[in-house]
Amino acid sequence: MAAITENDIEQIALGYLKTLGYLYVYGPAISPDESNTQPERQYNEVVLVQRLRAAIEKLNPNAPPEAQEDAIKKVLRTDSLDALLNNETFHRYLTEGIDVEVRTAEGIRGTKVYLIDFQQPTNNEFLAINQFTIIEGNQNKRPDVILFVNGLPLVVIELKNAVIEKADLQAAYNQIKTYQQAIPNLFTYNAFNIISDGTDAAYGTVSSSFKYFKPWKTKDGQTLESTADLQLEILLKGLCNPHTLLDVIRSFIVY
C-alpha cells in the first residue's frame, strides 16, 4: 500500500468540505497563466471581487450601485500598518455592515451595506479553493486550502503529513505564521486558521500562539466525538459547516 501524501490529505479535506456544501475551485483555474486569458483574479488579489460584488448586489438590493461600490472600496482598503487592527476593522465590517452615504433628492443619508447574510447561510456562496497562489511584494506563497464566503478569504487551512518527520501540527502552525509575515494582506480578512497533520487538527485566530490552537470536539454541536476519531473530519464538519462557521464569526470572535 502506498504511503499517504500531503496531497491525499488535501483531497480528503476537500471531500469533507464538499459534503458541507462548499463549491470546490482549483486555484490555478481562476488565476492568470498562459492558458487562462480571462482570469478571475490577479496573483496580488486575495479577495474575489467579482463574487463579492455579486453578493453585495444580491444582499443589498435597495442600496444604489455607487453605495455598493463604496463598500467594496472600504473592504479592499487597509488603513493601518497594524495587521491586527486591519483584521479588527474588517471583522466589524463583516459582522455589523459597512456605513456608506447615499445621495437622494432630499440630500445625503447614511445606510448600511452588508457582506454576508448571517440569518440565512444558504444566501451566501461558500468556496473551498486549493493551490491559491498569492504574490505580495517579492513573496510568493500558496496556502493549501482557503475557504471563501462571498469572495472573502475567511479561513486558511494548512495541512502536513504526520508520516513525515517533523511534519506535525507545530510545522503547520509555523507555516501559517510564515504566511502572515509574507502575505499579510490575506490575513486582513481572516476569521481563523486550521492546522492539521492528517490525524490531529486544531484551530486558532491570527493572534493565537500555538498553545491556544485547540481541537473541535463535536460534528453536530451536541455529541462529543471519540478522541480516536479523525480530528480533521471532526473539526471541518463541526466548525466549518456554513451555519456554525457564520455563528462563530458573528458571535464568538473578540479583540
C-alpha atoms as a PDB file:
ATOM      1  CA  MET A   1       0.000   0.000   0.000  1.00  0.00           C
ATOM      2  CA  ALA A   2       1.359   3.420  -0.969  1.00  0.00           C
ATOM      3  CA  ALA A   3       2.098   5.884   1.805  1.00  0.00           C
ATOM      4  CA  ILE A   4      -0.365   8.736   2.226  1.00  0.00           C
ATOM      5  CA  THR A   5       0.843  12.090   0.904  1.00  0.00           C
ATOM      6  CA  GLU A   6       0.032  15.693   1.750  1.00  0.00           C
ATOM      7  CA  ASN A   7      -1.948  15.859  -1.486  1.00  0.00           C
ATOM      8  CA  ASP A   8      -4.016  12.891  -0.295  1.00  0.00           C
ATOM      9  CA  ILE A   9      -4.767  14.730   2.955  1.00  0.00           C
ATOM     10  CA  GLU A  10      -5.693  17.843   0.989  1.00  0.00           C
ATOM     11  CA  GLN A  11      -8.117  15.861  -1.170  1.00  0.00           C
ATOM     12  CA  ILE A  12      -9.653  14.258   1.922  1.00  0.00           C
ATOM     13  CA  ALA A  13     -10.195  17.705   3.450  1.00  0.00           C
ATOM     14  CA  LEU A  14     -11.743  18.991   0.232  1.00  0.00           C
ATOM     15  CA  GLY A  15     -14.024  15.960   0.184  1.00  0.00           C
ATOM     16  CA  TYR A  16     -15.328  16.797   3.657  1.00  0.00           C
ATOM     17  CA  LEU A  17     -15.904  20.409   2.621  1.00  0.00           C
ATOM     18  CA  LYS A  18     -17.826  19.383  -0.491  1.00  0.00           C
ATOM     19  CA  THR A  19     -20.215  17.342   1.665  1.00  0.00           C
ATOM     20  CA  LEU A  20     -20.857  20.517   3.687  1.00  0.00           C
ATOM     21  CA  GLY A  21     -21.957  22.397   0.578  1.00  0.00           C
ATOM     22  CA  TYR A  22     -18.751  24.135  -0.423  1.00  0.00           C
ATOM     23  CA  LEU A  23     -18.128  24.591  -4.124  1.00  0.00           C
ATOM     24  CA  TYR A  24     -14.642  23.363  -4.967  1.00  0.00           C
ATOM     25  CA  VAL A  25     -12.461  25.575  -7.150  1.00  0.00           C
ATOM     26  CA  TYR A  26      -8.945  24.736  -8.302  1.00  0.00           C
ATOM     27  CA  GLY A  27      -6.877  27.860  -7.678  1.00  0.00           C
ATOM     28  CA  PRO A  28      -4.929  27.924 -10.963  1.00  0.00           C
ATOM     29  CA  ALA A  29      -8.214  27.732 -12.892  1.00  0.00           C
ATOM     30  CA  ILE A  30      -9.156  31.270 -11.797  1.00  0.00           C
ATOM     31  CA  SER A  31      -5.641  32.727 -11.779  1.00  0.00           C
ATOM     32  CA  PRO A  32      -3.561  34.158 -14.630  1.00  0.00           C
ATOM     33  CA  ASP A  33      -1.438  31.813 -16.685  1.00  0.00           C
ATOM     34  CA  GLU A  34      -0.705  31.186 -20.344  1.00  0.00           C
ATOM     35  CA  SER A  35      -3.900  29.196 -20.887  1.00  0.00           C
ATOM     36  CA  ASN A  36      -6.221  31.488 -18.897  1.00  0.00           C
ATOM     37  CA  THR A  37      -6.746  34.650 -20.925  1.00  0.00           C
ATOM     38  CA  GLN A  38      -9.564  35.977 -18.716  1.00  0.00           C
ATOM     39  CA  PRO A  39      -8.590  35.113 -15.137  1.00  0.00           C
ATOM     40  CA  GLU A  40     -10.988  35.891 -12.323  1.00  0.00           C
ATOM     41  CA  ARG A  41      -8.205  37.384 -10.217  1.00  0.00           C
ATOM     42  CA  GLN A  42      -4.594  38.503 -10.327  1.00  0.00           C
ATOM     43  CA  TYR A  43      -1.950  36.936  -8.107  1.00  0.00           C
ATOM     44  CA  ASN A  44      -1.782  40.018  -5.876  1.00  0.00           C
ATOM     45  CA  GLU A  45      -5.534  39.901  -5.205  1.00  0.00           C
ATOM     46  CA  VAL A  46      -6.782  37.897  -2.228  1.00  0.00           C
ATOM     47  CA  VAL A  47     -10.445  38.958  -2.457  1.00  0.00           C
ATOM     48  CA  LEU A  48     -12.527  37.559  -5.315  1.00  0.00           C
ATOM     49  CA  VAL A  49     -14.003  40.930  -6.195  1.00  0.00           C
ATOM     50  CA  GLN A  50     -16.470  39.736  -8.836  1.00  0.00           C
ATOM     51  CA  ARG A  51     -18.027  37.318  -6.369  1.00  0.00           C
ATOM     52  CA  LEU A  52     -18.053  39.920  -3.596  1.00  0.00           C
ATOM     53  CA  ARG A  53     -19.762  42.422  -5.889  1.00  0.00           C
ATOM     54  CA  ALA A  54     -22.405  39.867  -6.880  1.00  0.00           C
ATOM     55  CA  ALA A  55     -23.061  39.006  -3.224  1.00  0.00           C
ATOM     56  CA  ILE A  56     -23.371  42.656  -2.188  1.00  0.00           C
ATOM     57  CA  GLU A  57     -25.801  43.313  -5.028  1.00  0.00           C
ATOM     58  CA  LYS A  58     -27.879  40.294  -4.008  1.00  0.00           C
ATOM     59  CA  LEU A  59     -27.920  41.072  -0.281  1.00  0.00           C
ATOM     60  CA  ASN A  60     -28.427  44.842  -0.608  1.00  0.00           C
ATOM     61  CA  PRO A  61     -30.996  45.349  -3.378  1.00  0.00           C
ATOM     62  CA  ASN A  62     -32.036  48.762  -2.050  1.00  0.00           C
ATOM     63  CA  ALA A  63     -28.510  50.181  -1.954  1.00  0.00           C
ATOM     64  CA  PRO A  64     -27.649  52.118  -5.126  1.00  0.00           C
ATOM     65  CA  PRO A  65     -24.674  50.913  -7.175  1.00  0.00           C
ATOM     66  CA  GLU A  66     -22.432  53.755  -6.003  1.00  0.00           C
ATOM     67  CA  ALA A  67     -23.060  52.811  -2.367  1.00  0.00           C
ATOM     68  CA  GLN A  68     -22.255  49.181  -3.129  1.00  0.00           C
ATOM     69  CA  GLU A  69     -19.012  50.216  -4.832  1.00  0.00           C
ATOM     70  CA  ASP A  70     -18.082  52.431  -1.888  1.00  0.00           C
ATOM     71  CA  ALA A  71     -18.487  49.404   0.382  1.00  0.00           C
ATOM     72  CA  ILE A  72     -16.221  47.314  -1.848  1.00  0.00           C
ATOM     73  CA  LYS A  73     -13.577  50.048  -1.775  1.00  0.00           C
ATOM     74  CA  LYS A  74     -13.663  50.034   2.024  1.00  0.00           C
ATOM     75  CA  VAL A  75     -13.266  46.251   2.084  1.00  0.00           C
ATOM     76  CA  LEU A  76     -10.234  46.403  -0.194  1.00  0.00           C
ATOM     77  CA  ARG A  77      -8.562  49.318   1.567  1.00  0.00           C
ATOM     78  CA  THR A  78      -6.231  48.793   4.531  1.00  0.00           C
ATOM     79  CA  ASP A  79      -5.833  51.940   6.601  1.00  0.00           C
ATOM     80  CA  SER A  80      -3.244  50.822   9.127  1.00  0.00           C
ATOM     81  CA  LEU A  81       0.233  49.334   9.207  1.00  0.00           C
ATOM     82  CA  ASP A  82      -1.018  47.239  12.122  1.00  0.00           C
ATOM     83  CA  ALA A  83      -2.225  43.933  10.635  1.00  0.00           C
ATOM     84  CA  LEU A  84      -4.344  43.055  13.672  1.00  0.00           C
ATOM     85  CA  LEU A  85      -6.054  46.449  13.576  1.00  0.00           C
ATOM     86  CA  ASN A  86      -6.904  45.924   9.903  1.00  0.00           C
ATOM     87  CA  ASN A  87      -8.291  42.499  10.786  1.00  0.00           C
ATOM     88  CA  GLU A  88     -10.431  44.018  13.536  1.00  0.00           C
ATOM     89  CA  THR A  89     -11.761  46.711  11.204  1.00  0.00           C
ATOM     90  CA  PHE A  90     -12.724  44.133   8.602  1.00  0.00           C
ATOM     91  CA  HIS A  91     -14.379  41.929  11.223  1.00  0.00           C
ATOM     92  CA  ARG A  92     -16.543  44.890  12.191  1.00  0.00           C
ATOM     93  CA  TYR A  93     -17.488  45.408   8.535  1.00  0.00           C
ATOM     94  CA  LEU A  94     -18.301  41.718   8.252  1.00  0.00           C
ATOM     95  CA  THR A  95     -20.484  41.466  11.351  1.00  0.00           C
ATOM     96  CA  GLU A  96     -22.050  44.932  11.534  1.00  0.00           C
ATOM     97  CA  GLY A  97     -22.194  46.043   7.911  1.00  0.00           C
ATOM     98  CA  ILE A  98     -20.407  48.953   6.250  1.00  0.00           C
ATOM     99  CA  ASP A  99     -21.571  52.540   6.690  1.00  0.00           C
ATOM    100  CA  VAL A 100     -21.932  54.342   3.364  1.00  0.00           C
ATOM    101  CA  GLU A 101     -23.566  57.556   2.215  1.00  0.00           C
ATOM    102  CA  VAL A 102     -26.384  57.702  -0.314  1.00  0.00           C
ATOM    103  CA  ARG A 103     -27.355  60.827  -2.222  1.00  0.00           C
ATOM    104  CA  THR A 104     -31.112  61.337  -2.557  1.00  0.00           C
ATOM    105  CA  ALA A 105     -33.384  64.162  -3.677  1.00  0.00           C
ATOM    106  CA  GLU A 106     -33.656  65.160  -0.027  1.00  0.00           C
ATOM    107  CA  GLY A 107     -29.900  65.196   0.500  1.00  0.00           C
ATOM    108  CA  ILE A 108     -27.303  62.763   1.796  1.00  0.00           C
ATOM    109  CA  ARG A 109     -28.320  59.961   4.134  1.00  0.00           C
ATOM    110  CA  GLY A 110     -26.398  57.124   5.727  1.00  0.00           C
ATOM    111  CA  THR A 111     -27.114  53.447   5.181  1.00  0.00           C
ATOM    112  CA  LYS A 112     -25.523  50.039   5.703  1.00  0.00           C
ATOM    113  CA  VAL A 113     -24.173  47.617   3.140  1.00  0.00           C
ATOM    114  CA  TYR A 114     -23.920  44.009   4.315  1.00  0.00           C
ATOM    115  CA  LEU A 115     -21.336  41.485   3.133  1.00  0.00           C
ATOM    116  CA  ILE A 116     -22.895  38.287   4.490  1.00  0.00           C
ATOM    117  CA  ASP A 117     -26.387  37.052   5.298  1.00  0.00           C
ATOM    118  CA  PHE A 118     -25.928  35.606   8.782  1.00  0.00           C
ATOM    119  CA  GLN A 119     -29.609  34.712   9.147  1.00  0.00           C
ATOM    120  CA  GLN A 120     -29.800  32.540   6.028  1.00  0.00           C
ATOM    121  CA  PRO A 121     -26.453  30.831   5.353  1.00  0.00           C
ATOM    122  CA  THR A 122     -27.743  29.447   2.053  1.00  0.00           C
ATOM    123  CA  ASN A 123     -27.953  33.011   0.705  1.00  0.00           C
ATOM    124  CA  ASN A 124     -24.151  33.101   0.683  1.00  0.00           C
ATOM    125  CA  GLU A 125     -21.578  31.477  -1.587  1.00  0.00           C
ATOM    126  CA  PHE A 126     -19.107  29.095   0.089  1.00  0.00           C
ATOM    127  CA  LEU A 127     -15.956  28.136  -1.815  1.00  0.00           C
ATOM    128  CA  ALA A 128     -13.065  25.827  -0.970  1.00  0.00           C
ATOM    129  CA  ILE A 129     -10.051  26.736  -3.106  1.00  0.00           C
ATOM    130  CA  ASN A 130      -6.730  24.912  -3.133  1.00  0.00           C
ATOM    131  CA  GLN A 131      -3.393  25.882  -4.669  1.00  0.00           C
ATOM    132  CA  PHE A 132      -4.307  29.580  -4.484  1.00  0.00           C
ATOM    133  CA  THR A 133      -1.061  31.380  -5.285  1.00  0.00           C
ATOM    134  CA  ILE A 134      -0.601  34.825  -3.725  1.00  0.00           C
ATOM    135  CA  ILE A 135       2.170  37.262  -4.595  1.00  0.00           C
ATOM    136  CA  GLU A 136       2.769  40.208  -2.278  1.00  0.00           C
ATOM    137  CA  GLY A 137       5.886  42.284  -2.765  1.00  0.00           C
ATOM    138  CA  ASN A 138       8.617  39.793  -3.621  1.00  0.00           C
ATOM    139  CA  GLN A 139       6.931  36.964  -1.716  1.00  0.00           C
ATOM    140  CA  ASN A 140       5.161  34.099  -3.488  1.00  0.00           C
ATOM    141  CA  LYS A 141       3.095  31.744  -1.316  1.00  0.00           C
ATOM    142  CA  ARG A 142       0.426  29.115  -1.903  1.00  0.00           C
ATOM    143  CA  PRO A 143      -1.663  28.069   1.117  1.00  0.00           C
ATOM    144  CA  ASP A 144      -3.100  24.560   0.919  1.00  0.00           C
ATOM    145  CA  VAL A 145      -6.806  25.435   1.150  1.00  0.00           C
ATOM    146  CA  ILE A 146      -8.647  28.720   1.675  1.00  0.00           C
ATOM    147  CA  LEU A 147     -12.353  28.972   2.490  1.00  0.00           C
ATOM    148  CA  PHE A 148     -14.120  31.922   0.891  1.00  0.00           C
ATOM    149  CA  VAL A 149     -17.550  33.278   1.751  1.00  0.00           C
ATOM    150  CA  ASN A 150     -18.939  35.684  -0.847  1.00  0.00           C
ATOM    151  CA  GLY A 151     -15.456  36.093  -2.274  1.00  0.00           C
ATOM    152  CA  LEU A 152     -13.850  36.868   1.104  1.00  0.00           C
ATOM    153  CA  PRO A 153     -10.970  34.610   2.292  1.00  0.00           C
ATOM    154  CA  LEU A 154     -12.097  33.888   5.839  1.00  0.00           C
ATOM    155  CA  VAL A 155     -10.304  30.626   6.736  1.00  0.00           C
ATOM    156  CA  VAL A 156      -6.817  29.362   5.871  1.00  0.00           C
ATOM    157  CA  ILE A 157      -6.152  25.620   6.173  1.00  0.00           C
ATOM    158  CA  GLU A 158      -2.585  24.321   6.349  1.00  0.00           C
ATOM    159  CA  LEU A 159      -2.034  20.576   6.076  1.00  0.00           C
ATOM    160  CA  LYS A 160       1.009  18.476   6.877  1.00  0.00           C
ATOM    161  CA  ASN A 161       1.671  14.733   6.811  1.00  0.00           C
ATOM    162  CA  ALA A 162       2.449  13.176  10.186  1.00  0.00           C
ATOM    163  CA  VAL A 163       4.145  10.253   8.427  1.00  0.00           C
ATOM    164  CA  ILE A 164       6.970  12.620   7.518  1.00  0.00           C
ATOM    165  CA  GLU A 165       9.347  13.529  10.328  1.00  0.00           C
ATOM    166  CA  LYS A 166       8.661  16.990  11.781  1.00  0.00           C
ATOM    167  CA  ALA A 167       5.613  17.467   9.519  1.00  0.00           C
ATOM    168  CA  ASP A 168       3.310  17.877  12.502  1.00  0.00           C
ATOM    169  CA  LEU A 169       0.883  20.437  13.920  1.00  0.00           C
ATOM    170  CA  GLN A 170       3.731  22.668  15.019  1.00  0.00           C
ATOM    171  CA  ALA A 171       5.089  22.683  11.471  1.00  0.00           C
ATOM    172  CA  ALA A 172       1.652  23.603  10.116  1.00  0.00           C
ATOM    173  CA  TYR A 173       1.372  26.402  12.676  1.00  0.00           C
ATOM    174  CA  ASN A 174       4.819  27.678  11.743  1.00  0.00           C
ATOM    175  CA  GLN A 175       3.763  27.733   8.101  1.00  0.00           C
ATOM    176  CA  ILE A 176       0.707  29.838   8.952  1.00  0.00           C
ATOM    177  CA  LYS A 177       2.973  32.307  10.759  1.00  0.00           C
ATOM    178  CA  THR A 178       5.240  32.424   7.708  1.00  0.00           C
ATOM    179  CA  TYR A 179       2.225  33.298   5.565  1.00  0.00           C
ATOM    180  CA  GLN A 180       1.239  36.056   7.982  1.00  0.00           C
ATOM    181  CA  GLN A 181       4.657  37.641   7.568  1.00  0.00           C
ATOM    182  CA  ALA A 182       4.987  37.101   3.809  1.00  0.00           C
ATOM    183  CA  ILE A 183       1.433  37.760   2.569  1.00  0.00           C
ATOM    184  CA  PRO A 184      -0.193  39.808   5.363  1.00  0.00           C
ATOM    185  CA  ASN A 185      -2.995  41.137   3.170  1.00  0.00           C
ATOM    186  CA  LEU A 186      -4.594  37.684   3.157  1.00  0.00           C
ATOM    187  CA  PHE A 187      -4.956  37.863   6.921  1.00  0.00           C
ATOM    188  CA  THR A 188      -6.773  41.188   6.876  1.00  0.00           C
ATOM    189  CA  TYR A 189      -9.847  39.071   6.118  1.00  0.00           C
ATOM    190  CA  ASN A 190      -9.037  36.044   8.248  1.00  0.00           C
ATOM    191  CA  ALA A 191     -11.507  34.803  10.853  1.00  0.00           C
ATOM    192  CA  PHE A 192      -9.395  31.837  11.947  1.00  0.00           C
ATOM    193  CA  ASN A 193      -6.880  29.274  10.742  1.00  0.00           C
ATOM    194  CA  ILE A 194      -6.904  25.480  10.771  1.00  0.00           C
ATOM    195  CA  ILE A 195      -3.826  23.283  11.067  1.00  0.00           C
ATOM    196  CA  SER A 196      -3.674  19.516  10.677  1.00  0.00           C
ATOM    197  CA  ASP A 197      -1.171  16.709  10.205  1.00  0.00           C
ATOM    198  CA  GLY A 198      -3.830  14.455   8.716  1.00  0.00           C
ATOM    199  CA  THR A 199      -4.773  12.958  12.073  1.00  0.00           C
ATOM    200  CA  ASP A 200      -4.787  15.710  14.670  1.00  0.00           C
ATOM    201  CA  ALA A 201      -6.285  19.102  13.882  1.00  0.00           C
ATOM    202  CA  ALA A 202      -6.714  22.424  15.660  1.00  0.00           C
ATOM    203  CA  TYR A 203      -7.925  25.952  15.018  1.00  0.00           C
ATOM    204  CA  GLY A 204      -6.901  29.406  16.208  1.00  0.00           C
ATOM    205  CA  THR A 205      -7.030  33.067  15.263  1.00  0.00           C
ATOM    206  CA  VAL A 206      -4.408  35.266  13.618  1.00  0.00           C
ATOM    207  CA  SER A 207      -3.115  36.289  17.044  1.00  0.00           C
ATOM    208  CA  SER A 208      -3.213  32.833  18.695  1.00  0.00           C
ATOM    209  CA  SER A 209       0.047  31.297  19.837  1.00  0.00           C
ATOM    210  CA  PHE A 210       0.468  27.580  19.176  1.00  0.00           C
ATOM    211  CA  LYS A 211      -0.682  26.570  22.659  1.00  0.00           C
ATOM    212  CA  TYR A 212      -4.025  28.279  22.041  1.00  0.00           C
ATOM    213  CA  PHE A 213      -4.780  26.323  18.874  1.00  0.00           C
ATOM    214  CA  LYS A 214      -7.402  23.837  20.039  1.00  0.00           C
ATOM    215  CA  PRO A 215      -9.285  20.848  18.598  1.00  0.00           C
ATOM    216  CA  TRP A 216     -13.010  20.907  17.870  1.00  0.00           C
ATOM    217  CA  LYS A 217     -14.869  18.172  19.691  1.00  0.00           C
ATOM    218  CA  THR A 218     -18.232  17.739  18.009  1.00  0.00           C
ATOM    219  CA  LYS A 219     -19.602  17.360  14.490  1.00  0.00           C
ATOM    220  CA  ASP A 220     -23.208  18.225  15.306  1.00  0.00           C
ATOM    221  CA  GLY A 221     -22.791  20.659  18.196  1.00  0.00           C
ATOM    222  CA  GLN A 222     -24.262  18.183  20.672  1.00  0.00           C
ATOM    223  CA  THR A 223     -22.413  14.867  20.737  1.00  0.00           C
ATOM    224  CA  LEU A 224     -18.776  14.751  21.815  1.00  0.00           C
ATOM    225  CA  GLU A 225     -16.772  12.653  19.383  1.00  0.00           C
ATOM    226  CA  SER A 226     -14.276   9.986  20.390  1.00  0.00           C
ATOM    227  CA  THR A 227     -10.685  11.174  20.629  1.00  0.00           C
ATOM    228  CA  ALA A 228      -9.834   8.146  18.478  1.00  0.00           C
ATOM    229  CA  ASP A 229     -11.792   9.613  15.549  1.00  0.00           C
ATOM    230  CA  LEU A 230     -10.074  11.579  12.816  1.00  0.00           C
ATOM    231  CA  GLN A 231      -9.736  15.083  14.259  1.00  0.00           C
ATOM    232  CA  LEU A 232      -9.577  16.762  10.851  1.00  0.00           C
ATOM    233  CA  GLU A 233     -13.000  15.390   9.948  1.00  0.00           C
ATOM    234  CA  ILE A 234     -14.485  16.454  13.282  1.00  0.00           C
ATOM    235  CA  LEU A 235     -13.087  19.970  13.007  1.00  0.00           C
ATOM    236  CA  LEU A 236     -14.086  20.583   9.408  1.00  0.00           C
ATOM    237  CA  LYS A 237     -17.572  19.131   9.735  1.00  0.00           C
ATOM    238  CA  GLY A 238     -18.180  20.634  13.156  1.00  0.00           C
ATOM    239  CA  LEU A 239     -16.705  24.112  12.743  1.00  0.00           C
ATOM    240  CA  CYS A 240     -16.758  24.774   9.006  1.00  0.00           C
ATOM    241  CA  ASN A 241     -20.314  23.797   8.187  1.00  0.00           C
ATOM    242  CA  PRO A 242     -21.888  27.055   6.963  1.00  0.00           C
ATOM    243  CA  HIS A 243     -24.247  27.558   9.916  1.00  0.00           C
ATOM    244  CA  THR A 244     -21.595  27.073  12.607  1.00  0.00           C
ATOM    245  CA  LEU A 245     -18.930  28.968  10.686  1.00  0.00           C
ATOM    246  CA  LEU A 246     -21.095  32.065  10.413  1.00  0.00           C
ATOM    247  CA  ASP A 247     -22.262  31.750  14.019  1.00  0.00           C
ATOM    248  CA  VAL A 248     -18.677  31.592  15.285  1.00  0.00           C
ATOM    249  CA  ILE A 249     -17.621  34.551  13.138  1.00  0.00           C
ATOM    250  CA  ARG A 250     -20.549  36.670  14.245  1.00  0.00           C
ATOM    251  CA  SER A 251     -20.737  35.827  17.932  1.00  0.00           C
ATOM    252  CA  PHE A 252     -17.518  34.270  19.214  1.00  0.00           C
ATOM    253  CA  ILE A 253     -14.608  36.341  17.918  1.00  0.00           C
ATOM    254  CA  VAL A 254     -13.462  39.173  20.176  1.00  0.00           C
ATOM    255  CA  TYR A 255     -10.494  41.539  20.132  1.00  0.00           C
END
